Amino acid sequence: MNPPSPSGIPLCRQGRAACPQAAAGAVGTPRPALITVRNLRRRWPVDTRLLRSIGEAALEALGFTNGAPTPRPAAQVAVFLVGARRMAFLNERFLGHAGPTDAITFDYAGPLPVPHLLHGDIFICLEEARRQARVFGTTWQAEVVRYLVHGLLHLCGHDDLEAGARRRMKRVEDRIVRRLVAGFAFKRLGRGPIVSA
């Protein structure tokens, strides 16, 4: 039995989940882009509908559609907003790194035998977004959007392990984030964590 992924889909030996559509070779007419957002931090309200709309706009900028089926590729992406403890667990279990990180992407489409399909999970750590926003002089909301775009780029095949690839990925990421800034008020994503008195 293969171990489960963070979203419950069994992982194959390479550490990627088997994608039923890719495994079956189902190319056909691409399905519309689908992005779902779940906030697992109850004490940190986030407008998940707005974040989903931002994610859909980012997918559209990458050539994916959220409308009727077209010749453009389809996407099925789940975004999970998590806390530092859960992110540290995921980072240790799946990447072998200690402590929390800003975002982790799990690509379930594998080496993309079906080029018209993105299928994966993106986990975003809200505490890390707040911490890094202070470091970079921005807002936690803008950091969350940047992590979402970064994760989508990983699902599209971008890599940031070597310097040249990292620079190329960063240029695309910056271009998409600038486009999103023009169309959305990131501050409306939320106010931050609720602190009990």
Protein backbone atom coordinates (compact mmCIF):
# COMPACT_ATOMS: atom_id res chain seq x y z
CA MET A 1 0.00 0.00 0.00
CA ASN A 2 1.35 3.40 -0.95
CA PRO A 3 1.53 6.12 1.74
CA PRO A 4 -1.12 8.85 1.60
CA SER A 5 -0.31 12.33 0.41
CA PRO A 6 -1.21 15.38 2.52
CA SER A 7 -4.59 15.55 0.76
CA GLY A 8 -5.28 11.83 1.16
CA ILE A 9 -4.39 10.71 -2.39
CA PRO A 10 -2.01 7.71 -2.35
CA LEU A 11 1.53 8.51 -3.44
CA CYS A 12 3.41 6.40 -5.95
CA ARG A 13 7.04 5.36 -5.42
CA GLN A 14 8.44 8.58 -6.88
CA GLY A 15 6.67 10.64 -4.20
CA ARG A 16 4.01 11.88 -6.59
CA ALA A 17 0.41 10.85 -6.48
CA ALA A 18 -1.03 8.86 -9.31
CA CYS A 19 -3.25 11.06 -11.45
CA PRO A 20 -6.22 8.97 -12.66
CA GLN A 21 -6.68 11.09 -15.80
CA ALA A 22 -3.00 10.88 -16.75
CA ALA A 23 -2.78 7.18 -15.90
CA ALA A 24 -5.75 6.44 -18.11
CA GLY A 25 -4.31 8.60 -20.88
CA ALA A 26 -7.51 10.64 -20.98
CA VAL A 27 -6.59 13.60 -23.12
CA GLY A 28 -9.91 14.43 -24.84
CA THR A 29 -11.27 17.94 -24.47
CA PRO A 30 -9.60 19.64 -21.51
CA ARG A 31 -11.81 20.37 -18.53
CA PRO A 32 -12.07 23.88 -17.13
CA ALA A 33 -9.59 25.07 -14.51
CA LEU A 34 -10.67 24.22 -11.01
CA ILE A 35 -9.05 25.70 -7.95
CA THR A 36 -10.30 25.18 -4.43
CA VAL A 37 -9.09 26.95 -1.30
CA ARG A 38 -9.46 25.68 2.27
CA ASN A 39 -8.41 27.66 5.31
CA LEU A 40 -7.35 25.22 8.03
CA ARG A 41 -6.49 28.10 10.42
CA ARG A 42 -9.82 28.86 12.11
CA ARG A 43 -8.35 31.69 14.16
CA TRP A 44 -6.99 33.42 11.03
CA PRO A 45 -9.95 34.40 8.81
CA VAL A 46 -9.12 34.63 5.11
CA ASP A 47 -11.49 35.40 2.27
CA THR A 48 -11.09 32.08 0.47
CA ARG A 49 -13.44 33.11 -2.34
CA LEU A 50 -11.23 36.08 -3.16
CA LEU A 51 -8.09 33.93 -2.97
CA ARG A 52 -9.75 31.40 -5.30
CA SER A 53 -10.56 34.22 -7.76
CA ILE A 54 -6.95 35.40 -7.59
CA GLY A 55 -5.78 31.82 -8.20
CA GLU A 56 -8.11 31.48 -11.19
CA ALA A 57 -6.76 34.73 -12.63
CA ALA A 58 -3.21 33.44 -12.16
CA LEU A 59 -4.13 30.19 -13.91
CA GLU A 60 -5.64 32.18 -16.75
CA ALA A 61 -2.42 34.22 -17.03
CA LEU A 62 -0.61 30.88 -17.34
CA GLY A 63 -2.91 29.76 -20.17
CA PHE A 64 -5.43 27.73 -18.19
CA THR A 65 -9.13 28.42 -18.39
CA ASN A 66 -11.90 28.65 -15.81
CA GLY A 67 -14.64 28.92 -18.41
CA ALA A 68 -16.15 26.46 -20.87
CA PRO A 69 -13.85 23.77 -22.28
CA THR A 70 -11.39 25.23 -24.79
CA PRO A 71 -8.19 24.02 -26.43
CA ARG A 72 -6.32 25.49 -23.47
CA PRO A 73 -5.13 23.19 -20.65
CA ALA A 74 -7.21 22.24 -17.60
CA ALA A 75 -6.21 22.44 -13.97
CA GLN A 76 -7.32 20.87 -10.73
CA VAL A 77 -5.53 22.51 -7.82
CA ALA A 78 -6.30 22.53 -4.11
CA VAL A 79 -4.82 25.26 -1.90
CA PHE A 80 -4.60 24.71 1.86
CA LEU A 81 -3.85 27.58 4.26
CA VAL A 82 -2.11 26.08 7.29
CA GLY A 83 -0.28 27.05 10.45
CA ALA A 84 3.40 26.73 11.30
CA ARG A 85 3.00 23.43 13.18
CA ARG A 86 1.26 21.65 10.31
CA MET A 87 3.69 23.12 7.77
CA ALA A 88 6.67 21.94 9.84
CA PHE A 89 5.16 18.44 9.91
CA LEU A 90 4.66 18.41 6.11
CA ASN A 91 8.14 19.83 5.52
CA GLU A 92 9.73 17.13 7.70
CA ARG A 93 7.61 14.23 6.44
CA PHE A 94 7.69 14.89 2.71
CA LEU A 95 10.86 16.95 2.15
CA GLY A 96 13.04 15.93 5.10
CA HIS A 97 13.56 19.53 6.24
CA ALA A 98 13.12 20.73 9.82
CA GLY A 99 10.77 23.58 10.68
CA PRO A 100 8.06 25.41 8.78
CA THR A 101 8.48 26.88 5.30
CA ASP A 102 6.38 29.36 3.32
CA ALA A 103 4.80 26.96 0.81
CA ILE A 104 5.01 23.37 -0.38
CA THR A 105 3.64 22.11 -3.69
CA PHE A 106 2.66 18.50 -4.38
CA ASP A 107 2.44 17.67 -8.08
CA TYR A 108 0.12 14.73 -8.77
CA ALA A 109 0.26 14.90 -12.56
CA GLY A 110 3.75 13.39 -12.57
CA PRO A 111 5.95 14.03 -15.58
CA LEU A 112 2.89 15.32 -17.47
CA PRO A 113 2.23 12.70 -20.11
CA VAL A 114 -0.93 14.75 -20.61
CA PRO A 115 0.30 18.31 -21.24
CA HIS A 116 -3.23 19.68 -20.78
CA LEU A 117 -3.49 18.88 -17.08
CA LEU A 118 -2.27 20.44 -13.84
CA HIS A 119 -3.14 18.43 -10.77
CA GLY A 120 -1.75 19.19 -7.33
CA ASP A 121 -1.96 20.63 -3.84
CA ILE A 122 -0.35 23.83 -2.60
CA PHE A 123 0.11 24.28 1.16
CA ILE A 124 0.69 27.87 2.31
CA CYS A 125 1.81 28.76 5.84
CA LEU A 126 0.08 31.91 7.10
CA GLU A 127 2.56 32.49 9.94
CA GLU A 128 5.48 32.33 7.51
CA ALA A 129 3.68 34.78 5.22
CA ARG A 130 3.37 37.24 8.11
CA ARG A 131 7.02 36.73 9.16
CA GLN A 132 8.38 37.17 5.63
CA ALA A 133 6.12 40.17 4.97
CA ARG A 134 7.93 41.95 7.81
CA VAL A 135 11.31 41.00 6.35
CA PHE A 136 10.43 42.16 2.81
CA GLY A 137 8.35 45.20 3.78
CA THR A 138 5.09 43.96 2.29
CA THR A 139 1.81 42.53 3.62
CA TRP A 140 1.05 38.95 4.59
CA GLN A 141 -1.75 39.02 2.02
CA ALA A 142 0.70 39.86 -0.80
CA GLU A 143 3.01 37.08 0.41
CA VAL A 144 0.15 34.55 0.32
CA VAL A 145 -0.63 35.54 -3.27
CA ARG A 146 3.06 35.26 -4.20
CA TYR A 147 3.23 31.75 -2.66
CA LEU A 148 0.10 30.75 -4.59
CA VAL A 149 1.63 31.91 -7.88
CA HIS A 150 4.93 30.23 -6.99
CA GLY A 151 3.14 26.95 -6.33
CA LEU A 152 1.23 27.16 -9.60
CA LEU A 153 4.49 27.74 -11.45
CA HIS A 154 5.93 24.58 -9.85
CA LEU A 155 2.88 22.67 -11.09
CA CYS A 156 3.57 24.07 -14.57
CA GLY A 157 7.07 22.57 -14.46
CA HIS A 158 9.15 25.54 -13.28
CA ASP A 159 12.02 24.68 -10.95
CA ASP A 160 14.01 26.85 -8.57
CA LEU A 161 16.81 24.50 -7.55
CA GLU A 162 19.52 26.04 -9.75
CA ALA A 163 20.28 29.75 -10.16
CA GLY A 164 19.33 30.17 -13.84
CA ALA A 165 16.02 28.35 -13.50
CA ARG A 166 15.29 30.26 -10.28
CA ARG A 167 15.83 33.62 -12.05
CA ARG A 168 13.54 32.60 -14.93
CA MET A 169 10.86 31.40 -12.51
CA LYS A 170 11.14 34.61 -10.46
CA ARG A 171 10.66 36.77 -13.60
CA VAL A 172 7.47 34.89 -14.52
CA GLU A 173 6.28 35.01 -10.90
CA ASP A 174 6.87 38.78 -10.68
CA ARG A 175 5.06 39.39 -13.99
CA ILE A 176 1.99 37.44 -12.85
CA VAL A 177 1.93 39.04 -9.39
CA ARG A 178 2.10 42.51 -11.00
CA ARG A 179 -0.86 41.58 -13.20
CA LEU A 180 -2.81 40.35 -10.15
CA VAL A 181 -2.01 43.52 -8.16
CA ALA A 182 -3.67 45.53 -10.95
CA GLY A 183 -6.87 43.47 -10.73
CA PHE A 184 -7.30 42.65 -7.03
CA ALA A 185 -7.12 44.35 -3.62
CA PHE A 186 -4.94 41.85 -1.73
CA LYS A 187 -5.69 43.57 1.60
CA ARG A 188 -9.28 42.33 1.31
CA LEU A 189 -8.04 38.77 1.87
CA GLY A 190 -8.23 39.37 5.63
CA ARG A 191 -6.99 41.21 8.68
CA GLY A 192 -4.81 38.53 10.24
CA PRO A 193 -5.10 36.21 13.21
CA ILE A 194 -7.75 36.63 15.89
CA VAL A 195 -6.07 37.13 19.24
CA SER A 196 -8.03 36.01 22.30
CA ALA A 197 -8.23 38.42 25.20
